[in-house]
Amino acid sequence: MTLVQILILVVLVVMFVIATKWPINIGIMGFVGAFLFGTFAFGMSDKEILAEFPASIVLTIIGVTFFFSMAQRNGTIKMLVDLAIRAVRGRLGIVPWIFFVIASILTALGTFSPAAVALLAPAAMGFAAASGYSGVVMGAMIINGAHAGAFSPISVSGIIVRDIAKENGFDIDKGALFAASYVINVLVTVLTVIIMRLIGRLRTTPEPEAVDGGATGTAAAGGGGDRLGGSTTTPAGAAWGKGGTQLTAPAPAPAPVRTNTLSPQVWLTLSLIAVMVIGAFGFELPIGFLGLACGLVLAFTSMKHSETFVSGISWSTVLLVSGMIVYISLLSKAGVIDSLSTMAVAIGVPLLVAVVLCYVIGISSAFASSTALLTAFIPLSIPLLEQSDLSPTAVMAALAISATIVDVSPFSTNGALVIANAKGTAAKTIWRDLIIYGAIVIAVAPLLTWLLLVVSGVM
């Protein structure tokens, strides 16, 4: 690796250290780092530096949080959460798994995982706040559920993996790919629940008022406050560690409109949610645009609260995700990822090459598009498969799952959506908590996937 490549990686590590210790939004550091390296190391123009700006992700976050912040204020989200709690008759531990299953069904039917997470996150995180369930675990439930079904025979990701294999002369068992993805995501989720229960972090103090809107978490209204991406003081022990970047506390919101019955506005909101579901799943329309359009309709019915419309958008999450993705894009331009992949293949021992590739794609995917990395990294396994007797289905499934299971990272679209919809106390610490949880998943999941699929020989 060159000196510049090493420096880019070192600066990335320093950013994480600073963001964990001090109340500075890491997205700002990402933009500054991209400017410095892009301009002075690579001679890039501002347009070239921003070429990988995640416009689609930003639009998704803006549209979804715009619509659902108004749905929260008019009482629709609280009504849905209360309905879910009543439906399970007090067995609150079942609700998270219901979200898991619903997310997996949606993606198994062909829905992109961000669309499924975008629609489920508001109600899921609302339930977490109202019931005192861990926001991190709830986020993992809907994200892992979405990826459990993401490699079904009719899903986009599943088709991508099989097509790449076919183009290179390998036949992938589509049923085995789907089953492997589902089983490993279920296993990781079960382990998450067990560990969080053992360390006493599965349940917290219920905050039903956060779902009403009067105590809305910072992520749900990142536009408020004076410091974008600044910190909010939290009680000692409230988060996993000390200090850290936390999302900005919102400006005081007006008293929520409480609805004990289904008011016309709640009926309208439910109808608009149905429109979003049909548009996103049935016609594959962008969820961000749908959120903005449906939110605009709601805005005309609640003009008395017009001052809160834009503040409901999670601007700090937008800054965090876009800044880091722009910086991470320089790693590709600098050849860092290619260098790591080349070093992995050069190891020579097939099993070791496979596990290194799983880690390379897992770490990279935590900061970039999983779908894009599938198309970039799956072909890297072709030389390995041609020169060894490893199962093509096992190796490609391991790489595909390693690329997606790390999407609990706050820098992925799905992780950002969880942050943007966090409520109550969890909203103040969810970024740091997901950083720590995501790092654990990145460290463990690729190894677990490699052991279960490649080493075991079950496929």
Protein backbone atom coordinates (compact mmCIF):
# COMPACT_ATOMS: atom_id res chain seq x y z
CA MET A 1 0.00 0.00 0.00
CA THR A 2 1.16 3.54 -0.74
CA LEU A 3 1.70 6.27 1.85
CA VAL A 4 -1.45 8.10 0.74
CA GLN A 5 -3.55 4.95 1.10
CA ILE A 6 -2.22 4.39 4.61
CA LEU A 7 -2.84 8.03 5.56
CA ILE A 8 -6.47 7.85 4.39
CA LEU A 9 -7.07 4.83 6.61
CA VAL A 10 -5.29 6.42 9.58
CA VAL A 11 -7.36 9.61 9.27
CA LEU A 12 -10.54 7.49 9.16
CA VAL A 13 -9.59 5.87 12.46
CA VAL A 14 -8.80 9.27 13.98
CA MET A 15 -12.25 10.53 12.92
CA PHE A 16 -13.93 7.71 14.82
CA VAL A 17 -11.85 8.39 17.92
CA ILE A 18 -12.70 12.10 17.85
CA ALA A 19 -16.40 11.51 17.19
CA THR A 20 -16.60 9.03 20.05
CA LYS A 21 -14.85 11.32 22.53
CA TRP A 22 -16.15 14.77 21.57
CA PRO A 23 -19.54 16.13 20.40
CA ILE A 24 -18.56 16.69 16.78
CA ASN A 25 -20.62 15.23 13.95
CA ILE A 26 -18.35 12.79 12.12
CA GLY A 27 -19.99 13.79 8.83
CA ILE A 28 -18.35 17.22 9.07
CA MET A 29 -14.96 15.60 9.50
CA GLY A 30 -15.74 13.35 6.54
CA PHE A 31 -16.41 16.29 4.25
CA VAL A 32 -13.29 18.13 5.44
CA GLY A 33 -11.16 15.02 5.02
CA ALA A 34 -12.55 14.44 1.54
CA PHE A 35 -11.75 18.06 0.63
CA LEU A 36 -8.16 17.87 1.92
CA PHE A 37 -7.25 14.52 0.34
CA GLY A 38 -9.25 15.13 -2.83
CA THR A 39 -7.81 18.58 -3.47
CA PHE A 40 -4.21 18.26 -2.31
CA ALA A 41 -3.48 14.54 -2.76
CA PHE A 42 -5.46 13.74 -5.91
CA GLY A 43 -5.95 17.17 -7.53
CA MET A 44 -9.72 16.67 -7.76
CA SER A 45 -12.31 19.37 -8.34
CA ASP A 46 -15.23 19.86 -5.99
CA LYS A 47 -17.54 18.07 -8.45
CA GLU A 48 -15.19 15.09 -8.57
CA ILE A 49 -14.94 14.97 -4.77
CA LEU A 50 -18.73 14.98 -4.47
CA ALA A 51 -19.28 12.52 -7.33
CA GLU A 52 -20.29 9.80 -4.86
CA PHE A 53 -22.53 12.04 -2.76
CA PRO A 54 -25.36 9.67 -1.67
CA ALA A 55 -28.26 11.65 -3.11
CA SER A 56 -30.59 8.63 -3.01
CA ILE A 57 -29.82 7.91 0.65
CA VAL A 58 -30.23 11.58 1.59
CA LEU A 59 -33.55 11.75 -0.23
CA THR A 60 -34.74 8.60 1.55
CA ILE A 61 -33.86 9.96 4.99
CA ILE A 62 -35.42 13.37 4.27
CA GLY A 63 -38.62 11.96 2.77
CA VAL A 64 -39.20 9.27 5.39
CA THR A 65 -38.47 11.45 8.43
CA PHE A 66 -40.50 14.34 6.98
CA PHE A 67 -43.60 12.20 6.59
CA PHE A 68 -43.33 10.12 9.75
CA SER A 69 -42.48 13.06 12.00
CA MET A 70 -45.89 14.48 11.08
CA ALA A 71 -47.47 11.05 11.49
CA GLN A 72 -46.01 10.98 14.98
CA ARG A 73 -47.34 14.44 15.86
CA ASN A 74 -50.88 13.64 14.79
CA GLY A 75 -50.94 10.46 16.88
CA THR A 76 -50.82 7.84 14.10
CA ILE A 77 -47.55 6.24 15.19
CA LYS A 78 -48.74 6.03 18.79
CA MET A 79 -51.96 4.41 17.63
CA LEU A 80 -50.03 1.79 15.62
CA VAL A 81 -47.69 1.06 18.53
CA ASP A 82 -50.60 0.74 20.97
CA LEU A 83 -52.34 -1.57 18.51
CA ALA A 84 -49.27 -3.81 18.30
CA ILE A 85 -48.95 -3.95 22.09
CA ARG A 86 -52.63 -4.86 22.51
CA ALA A 87 -52.42 -7.47 19.76
CA VAL A 88 -49.79 -9.51 21.62
CA ARG A 89 -51.71 -9.23 24.90
CA GLY A 90 -48.75 -8.08 26.96
CA ARG A 91 -46.20 -10.49 25.46
CA LEU A 92 -43.96 -7.66 24.34
CA GLY A 93 -41.05 -9.95 23.48
CA ILE A 94 -43.00 -11.21 20.45
CA VAL A 95 -43.42 -7.82 18.77
CA PRO A 96 -39.77 -7.38 17.68
CA TRP A 97 -39.86 -10.78 15.99
CA ILE A 98 -43.05 -9.79 14.20
CA PHE A 99 -41.15 -6.86 12.71
CA PHE A 100 -38.32 -9.25 11.78
CA VAL A 101 -40.66 -11.59 9.93
CA ILE A 102 -42.53 -8.78 8.15
CA ALA A 103 -39.25 -7.24 6.97
CA SER A 104 -38.03 -10.60 5.66
CA ILE A 105 -41.27 -11.21 3.78
CA LEU A 106 -41.13 -7.81 2.13
CA THR A 107 -37.57 -8.26 0.88
CA ALA A 108 -38.14 -11.90 -0.08
CA LEU A 109 -40.88 -10.65 -2.40
CA GLY A 110 -38.38 -8.39 -4.15
CA THR A 111 -38.39 -5.17 -2.12
CA PHE A 112 -35.04 -3.44 -1.59
CA SER A 113 -34.08 -3.63 2.09
CA PRO A 114 -33.90 0.19 2.60
CA ALA A 115 -37.52 0.51 1.45
CA ALA A 116 -38.65 -2.16 3.90
CA VAL A 117 -36.65 -0.64 6.76
CA ALA A 118 -37.89 2.86 5.93
CA LEU A 119 -41.51 1.81 6.31
CA LEU A 120 -41.04 -0.33 9.41
CA ALA A 121 -38.53 1.77 11.37
CA PRO A 122 -40.95 4.51 12.57
CA ALA A 123 -43.40 2.05 14.16
CA ALA A 124 -40.63 -0.29 15.33
CA MET A 125 -38.59 2.41 17.06
CA GLY A 126 -41.80 3.91 18.46
CA PHE A 127 -42.63 0.55 20.02
CA ALA A 128 -39.09 0.31 21.41
CA ALA A 129 -39.46 3.67 23.17
CA ALA A 130 -42.98 3.02 24.45
CA SER A 131 -42.21 -0.47 25.77
CA GLY A 132 -38.67 0.13 27.00
CA TYR A 133 -37.20 -2.33 24.49
CA SER A 134 -33.60 -1.75 23.38
CA GLY A 135 -33.45 0.55 20.36
CA VAL A 136 -30.29 -1.20 19.15
CA VAL A 137 -31.91 -4.62 19.27
CA MET A 138 -35.09 -3.34 17.60
CA GLY A 139 -33.00 -1.77 14.86
CA ALA A 140 -31.15 -5.05 14.41
CA MET A 141 -34.48 -6.88 14.21
CA ILE A 142 -35.79 -4.94 11.23
CA ILE A 143 -32.42 -4.68 9.44
CA ASN A 144 -31.51 -8.35 9.90
CA GLY A 145 -35.05 -9.31 9.00
CA ALA A 146 -34.80 -7.31 5.79
CA HIS A 147 -31.54 -9.05 4.88
CA ALA A 148 -32.81 -12.48 5.90
CA GLY A 149 -35.15 -12.37 2.92
CA ALA A 150 -32.88 -10.33 0.67
CA PHE A 151 -31.44 -13.32 -1.21
CA SER A 152 -34.65 -15.07 -2.14
CA PRO A 153 -34.88 -16.51 -5.68
CA ILE A 154 -36.87 -13.45 -6.84
CA SER A 155 -34.99 -10.72 -4.95
CA VAL A 156 -32.63 -8.30 -6.68
CA SER A 157 -29.63 -9.23 -4.54
CA GLY A 158 -30.20 -12.93 -5.04
CA ILE A 159 -30.43 -12.49 -8.79
CA ILE A 160 -27.24 -10.39 -8.82
CA VAL A 161 -25.21 -13.08 -7.04
CA ARG A 162 -26.53 -15.88 -9.25
CA ASP A 163 -26.01 -13.90 -12.46
CA ILE A 164 -22.39 -13.09 -11.59
CA ALA A 165 -21.75 -16.74 -10.82
CA LYS A 166 -23.41 -17.87 -14.05
CA GLU A 167 -21.42 -15.40 -16.16
CA ASN A 168 -18.24 -16.95 -14.78
CA GLY A 169 -19.30 -20.55 -15.29
CA PHE A 170 -20.51 -21.41 -11.79
CA ASP A 171 -23.95 -22.62 -10.76
CA ILE A 172 -25.35 -21.31 -7.48
CA ASP A 173 -28.07 -23.18 -5.60
CA LYS A 174 -30.66 -20.42 -5.19
CA GLY A 175 -32.52 -22.26 -2.44
CA ALA A 176 -29.34 -22.78 -0.45
CA LEU A 177 -28.38 -19.12 -0.85
CA PHE A 178 -31.76 -18.00 0.47
CA ALA A 179 -31.74 -20.51 3.35
CA ALA A 180 -28.18 -19.57 4.37
CA SER A 181 -29.05 -15.88 4.46
CA TYR A 182 -32.19 -16.45 6.52
CA VAL A 183 -30.60 -18.85 9.01
CA ILE A 184 -27.51 -16.71 9.66
CA ASN A 185 -29.52 -13.53 10.10
CA VAL A 186 -31.83 -15.31 12.54
CA LEU A 187 -28.83 -16.72 14.40
CA VAL A 188 -27.10 -13.34 14.69
CA THR A 189 -30.34 -11.75 15.89
CA VAL A 190 -30.91 -14.45 18.50
CA LEU A 191 -27.33 -14.03 19.74
CA THR A 192 -27.89 -10.28 19.93
CA VAL A 193 -31.02 -10.72 22.07
CA ILE A 194 -29.31 -13.23 24.37
CA ILE A 195 -26.19 -11.12 24.89
CA MET A 196 -28.16 -7.92 25.45
CA ARG A 197 -30.29 -9.72 28.01
CA LEU A 198 -27.21 -11.08 29.79
CA ILE A 199 -25.58 -7.64 30.06
CA GLY A 200 -28.86 -6.06 31.16
CA ARG A 201 -29.42 -3.85 28.12
CA LEU A 202 -32.38 -5.58 26.48
CA ARG A 203 -34.91 -3.48 28.38
CA THR A 204 -34.83 0.13 29.52
CA THR A 205 -37.34 2.48 31.12
CA PRO A 206 -40.51 2.74 28.98
CA GLU A 207 -41.10 6.20 27.52
CA PRO A 208 -44.62 6.22 26.07
CA GLU A 209 -44.58 10.02 26.05
CA ALA A 210 -41.79 9.90 23.43
CA VAL A 211 -44.22 8.33 20.98
CA ASP A 212 -46.79 11.02 21.71
CA GLY A 213 -44.33 13.54 20.32
CA GLY A 214 -43.76 15.64 23.41
CA ALA A 215 -40.47 13.92 24.14
CA THR A 216 -39.42 13.19 20.63
CA GLY A 217 -35.84 11.99 20.38
CA THR A 218 -33.13 13.98 18.77
CA ALA A 219 -32.76 11.87 15.72
CA ALA A 220 -36.34 12.34 14.79
CA ALA A 221 -35.93 16.06 14.65
CA GLY A 222 -32.30 16.62 13.87
CA GLY A 223 -32.99 19.99 12.36
CA GLY A 224 -33.64 21.64 15.69
CA GLY A 225 -31.06 23.12 18.01
CA ASP A 226 -28.07 25.27 17.31
CA ARG A 227 -25.42 22.62 16.73
CA LEU A 228 -25.95 20.24 13.88
CA GLY A 229 -24.70 16.90 15.03
CA GLY A 230 -23.79 18.27 18.45
CA SER A 231 -24.04 16.48 21.75
CA THR A 232 -26.73 16.13 24.31
CA THR A 233 -25.84 15.51 27.92
CA THR A 234 -26.89 12.07 29.05
CA PRO A 235 -26.76 10.36 32.42
CA ALA A 236 -23.64 8.39 33.22
CA GLY A 237 -23.96 4.82 32.03
CA ALA A 238 -26.77 5.66 29.62
CA ALA A 239 -24.64 4.69 26.65
CA TRP A 240 -21.92 2.18 25.86
CA GLY A 241 -18.90 4.29 26.75
CA LYS A 242 -18.12 7.90 27.50
CA GLY A 243 -18.40 11.01 25.37
CA GLY A 244 -19.30 10.61 21.76
CA THR A 245 -21.07 12.11 18.82
CA GLN A 246 -24.78 12.31 19.47
CA LEU A 247 -27.54 13.77 17.41
CA THR A 248 -28.77 17.26 18.06
CA ALA A 249 -31.59 17.81 20.52
CA PRO A 250 -34.61 19.29 18.80
CA ALA A 251 -36.19 22.63 19.50
CA PRO A 252 -39.22 22.38 21.81
CA ALA A 253 -42.07 20.94 19.80
CA PRO A 254 -45.67 22.01 20.16
CA ALA A 255 -47.97 19.84 22.20
CA PRO A 256 -48.92 16.75 20.18
CA VAL A 257 -52.39 16.27 18.88
CA ARG A 258 -53.66 13.37 20.98
CA THR A 259 -56.11 11.06 19.34
CA ASN A 260 -57.96 8.55 21.44
CA THR A 261 -60.10 7.66 18.43
CA LEU A 262 -59.33 7.49 14.74
CA SER A 263 -59.63 11.11 13.71
CA PRO A 264 -59.92 12.11 10.04
CA GLN A 265 -56.25 13.10 10.07
CA VAL A 266 -55.20 9.69 11.39
CA TRP A 267 -57.34 8.01 8.71
CA LEU A 268 -55.65 10.20 6.10
CA THR A 269 -52.21 9.29 7.46
CA LEU A 270 -53.00 5.58 7.39
CA SER A 271 -54.22 5.93 3.81
CA LEU A 272 -51.00 7.71 2.86
CA ILE A 273 -48.93 4.97 4.50
CA ALA A 274 -50.85 2.48 2.34
CA VAL A 275 -50.03 4.61 -0.70
CA MET A 276 -46.34 4.53 0.24
CA VAL A 277 -46.41 0.75 0.71
CA ILE A 278 -48.13 0.15 -2.64
CA GLY A 279 -45.93 2.67 -4.43
CA ALA A 280 -42.66 1.33 -3.00
CA PHE A 281 -43.43 -2.39 -3.14
CA GLY A 282 -45.89 -2.65 -6.01
CA PHE A 283 -44.42 -0.09 -8.40
CA GLU A 284 -40.85 0.20 -7.05
CA LEU A 285 -41.11 3.98 -6.72
CA PRO A 286 -38.43 5.78 -4.65
CA ILE A 287 -39.49 5.78 -1.00
CA GLY A 288 -37.91 9.22 -0.49
CA PHE A 289 -40.05 10.91 -3.12
CA LEU A 290 -43.12 9.07 -1.86
CA GLY A 291 -42.43 10.29 1.66
CA LEU A 292 -42.10 13.89 0.53
CA ALA A 293 -45.26 13.70 -1.57
CA CYS A 294 -47.36 12.10 1.18
CA GLY A 295 -45.84 14.44 3.76
CA LEU A 296 -46.83 17.41 1.62
CA VAL A 297 -50.43 16.21 1.66
CA LEU A 298 -50.32 15.92 5.46
CA ALA A 299 -48.75 19.38 5.72
CA PHE A 300 -51.80 20.99 4.17
CA THR A 301 -53.97 19.41 6.88
CA SER A 302 -51.89 20.69 9.83
CA MET A 303 -50.90 24.23 8.93
CA LYS A 304 -51.13 25.27 12.60
CA HIS A 305 -47.86 23.43 13.19
CA SER A 306 -46.09 24.62 10.04
CA GLU A 307 -43.05 25.78 12.03
CA THR A 308 -42.24 22.14 12.86
CA PHE A 309 -42.47 20.70 9.34
CA VAL A 310 -38.79 20.96 8.40
CA SER A 311 -37.50 20.45 11.94
CA GLY A 312 -38.94 16.95 11.79
CA ILE A 313 -36.34 16.00 9.18
CA SER A 314 -33.25 14.31 10.63
CA TRP A 315 -30.70 16.76 9.26
CA SER A 316 -27.91 15.59 11.56
CA THR A 317 -28.28 12.05 10.22
CA VAL A 318 -28.12 13.40 6.66
CA LEU A 319 -24.87 15.20 7.45
CA LEU A 320 -23.39 12.19 9.24
CA VAL A 321 -24.11 9.68 6.49
CA SER A 322 -23.34 11.87 3.47
CA GLY A 323 -20.06 13.19 4.88
CA MET A 324 -18.72 9.73 5.67
CA ILE A 325 -19.81 8.18 2.38
CA VAL A 326 -18.10 10.96 0.44
CA TYR A 327 -14.90 10.35 2.43
CA ILE A 328 -15.10 6.57 2.08
CA SER A 329 -15.50 6.97 -1.69
CA LEU A 330 -11.94 8.31 -1.75
CA LEU A 331 -10.74 4.96 -0.44
CA SER A 332 -11.93 3.36 -3.67
CA LYS A 333 -10.44 6.15 -5.79
CA ALA A 334 -7.14 5.79 -3.95
CA GLY A 335 -7.15 2.05 -4.60
CA VAL A 336 -7.30 1.08 -0.93
CA ILE A 337 -10.02 -1.54 -1.40
CA ASP A 338 -8.31 -3.01 -4.46
CA SER A 339 -5.04 -3.22 -2.54
CA LEU A 340 -6.71 -5.02 0.35
CA SER A 341 -8.37 -7.46 -2.05
CA THR A 342 -5.11 -8.15 -3.88
CA MET A 343 -3.34 -8.78 -0.58
CA ALA A 344 -6.10 -11.20 0.41
CA VAL A 345 -5.89 -13.25 -2.79
CA ALA A 346 -2.09 -13.31 -2.53
CA ILE A 347 -2.32 -15.31 0.71
CA GLY A 348 -2.73 -18.47 -1.35
CA VAL A 349 -4.48 -20.76 1.17
CA PRO A 350 -8.09 -21.08 -0.13
CA LEU A 351 -9.82 -21.13 3.26
CA LEU A 352 -7.81 -18.16 4.52
CA VAL A 353 -8.42 -16.23 1.30
CA ALA A 354 -12.15 -16.83 1.72
CA VAL A 355 -12.29 -15.50 5.27
CA VAL A 356 -10.14 -12.46 4.41
CA LEU A 357 -12.46 -11.64 1.49
CA CYS A 358 -15.44 -11.95 3.85
CA TYR A 359 -13.86 -9.40 6.17
CA VAL A 360 -12.82 -7.05 3.38
CA ILE A 361 -16.33 -6.96 1.89
CA GLY A 362 -17.90 -6.76 5.36
CA ILE A 363 -15.79 -3.82 6.50
CA SER A 364 -16.22 -2.01 3.17
CA SER A 365 -19.98 -2.57 3.12
CA ALA A 366 -20.39 -0.99 6.54
CA PHE A 367 -19.62 2.34 4.86
CA ALA A 368 -20.96 1.85 1.34
CA SER A 369 -23.73 0.35 -0.74
CA SER A 370 -24.03 -3.38 -0.11
CA THR A 371 -25.52 -3.94 -3.56
CA ALA A 372 -22.68 -2.07 -5.26
CA LEU A 373 -20.09 -4.02 -3.31
CA LEU A 374 -21.73 -7.31 -4.24
CA THR A 375 -21.10 -6.54 -7.89
CA ALA A 376 -17.53 -5.47 -7.11
CA PHE A 377 -16.42 -8.19 -4.69
CA ILE A 378 -18.25 -11.33 -5.76
CA PRO A 379 -16.12 -11.47 -8.95
CA LEU A 380 -12.99 -11.41 -6.75
CA SER A 381 -13.89 -14.89 -5.56
CA ILE A 382 -13.74 -16.31 -9.09
CA PRO A 383 -9.94 -16.89 -9.14
CA LEU A 384 -10.23 -18.52 -5.71
CA LEU A 385 -12.99 -20.85 -6.90
CA GLU A 386 -11.14 -21.72 -10.11
CA GLN A 387 -8.01 -22.71 -8.19
CA SER A 388 -9.63 -24.63 -5.33
CA ASP A 389 -12.31 -27.19 -4.61
CA LEU A 390 -14.34 -24.86 -2.37
CA SER A 391 -18.08 -24.81 -2.98
CA PRO A 392 -19.08 -21.86 -5.20
CA THR A 393 -22.43 -21.61 -3.43
CA ALA A 394 -20.78 -21.57 -0.01
CA VAL A 395 -18.13 -18.97 -0.88
CA MET A 396 -20.45 -16.61 -2.74
CA ALA A 397 -23.15 -16.95 -0.09
CA ALA A 398 -20.59 -16.17 2.61
CA LEU A 399 -19.45 -13.05 0.75
CA ALA A 400 -23.01 -11.92 0.04
CA ILE A 401 -24.12 -12.35 3.65
CA SER A 402 -20.96 -10.68 4.99
CA ALA A 403 -21.71 -7.68 2.77
CA THR A 404 -25.27 -7.23 4.03
CA ILE A 405 -25.31 -8.34 7.66
CA VAL A 406 -23.10 -5.38 8.62
CA ASP A 407 -25.81 -2.91 7.54
CA VAL A 408 -26.53 -2.21 11.19
CA SER A 409 -23.68 0.29 10.82
CA PRO A 410 -24.97 3.87 11.22
CA PHE A 411 -23.24 4.75 7.94
CA SER A 412 -25.40 2.41 5.90
CA THR A 413 -28.83 3.46 4.64
CA ASN A 414 -30.57 1.05 6.98
CA GLY A 415 -28.57 2.07 10.03
CA ALA A 416 -29.18 5.73 9.26
CA LEU A 417 -32.93 5.10 9.05
CA VAL A 418 -32.89 3.48 12.48
CA ILE A 419 -31.04 6.49 13.90
CA ALA A 420 -33.40 8.92 12.20
CA ASN A 421 -36.44 7.25 13.76
CA ALA A 422 -35.08 6.69 17.27
CA LYS A 423 -37.19 8.27 20.00
CA GLY A 424 -36.85 9.27 23.61
CA THR A 425 -33.60 8.72 25.50
CA ALA A 426 -32.37 6.23 22.92
CA ALA A 427 -32.21 8.98 20.32
CA LYS A 428 -29.44 10.68 22.30
CA THR A 429 -27.14 7.63 22.29
CA ILE A 430 -28.25 5.48 19.36
CA TRP A 431 -25.41 6.63 17.09
CA ARG A 432 -22.69 5.55 19.50
CA ASP A 433 -24.54 2.39 20.46
CA LEU A 434 -24.87 1.36 16.81
CA ILE A 435 -21.19 2.15 16.22
CA ILE A 436 -20.22 -0.27 18.99
CA TYR A 437 -22.78 -2.89 18.01
CA GLY A 438 -21.86 -2.55 14.33
CA ALA A 439 -18.16 -2.99 15.16
CA ILE A 440 -18.97 -6.20 17.04
CA VAL A 441 -21.03 -7.50 14.12
CA ILE A 442 -18.24 -6.64 11.67
CA ALA A 443 -15.75 -8.50 13.88
CA VAL A 444 -17.91 -11.60 14.44
CA ALA A 445 -20.39 -12.06 11.57
CA PRO A 446 -17.95 -12.64 8.66
CA LEU A 447 -16.08 -15.22 10.74
CA LEU A 448 -19.32 -16.93 11.77
CA THR A 449 -20.54 -16.94 8.17
CA TRP A 450 -17.23 -18.38 6.95
CA LEU A 451 -17.24 -21.13 9.59
CA LEU A 452 -20.88 -22.15 9.02
CA LEU A 453 -20.90 -22.04 5.24
CA VAL A 454 -17.35 -22.52 3.91
CA VAL A 455 -15.44 -24.50 6.56
CA SER A 456 -18.31 -26.77 7.55
CA GLY A 457 -18.88 -27.94 4.00
CA VAL A 458 -22.66 -28.02 4.45
CA MET A 459 -23.13 -26.39 1.06
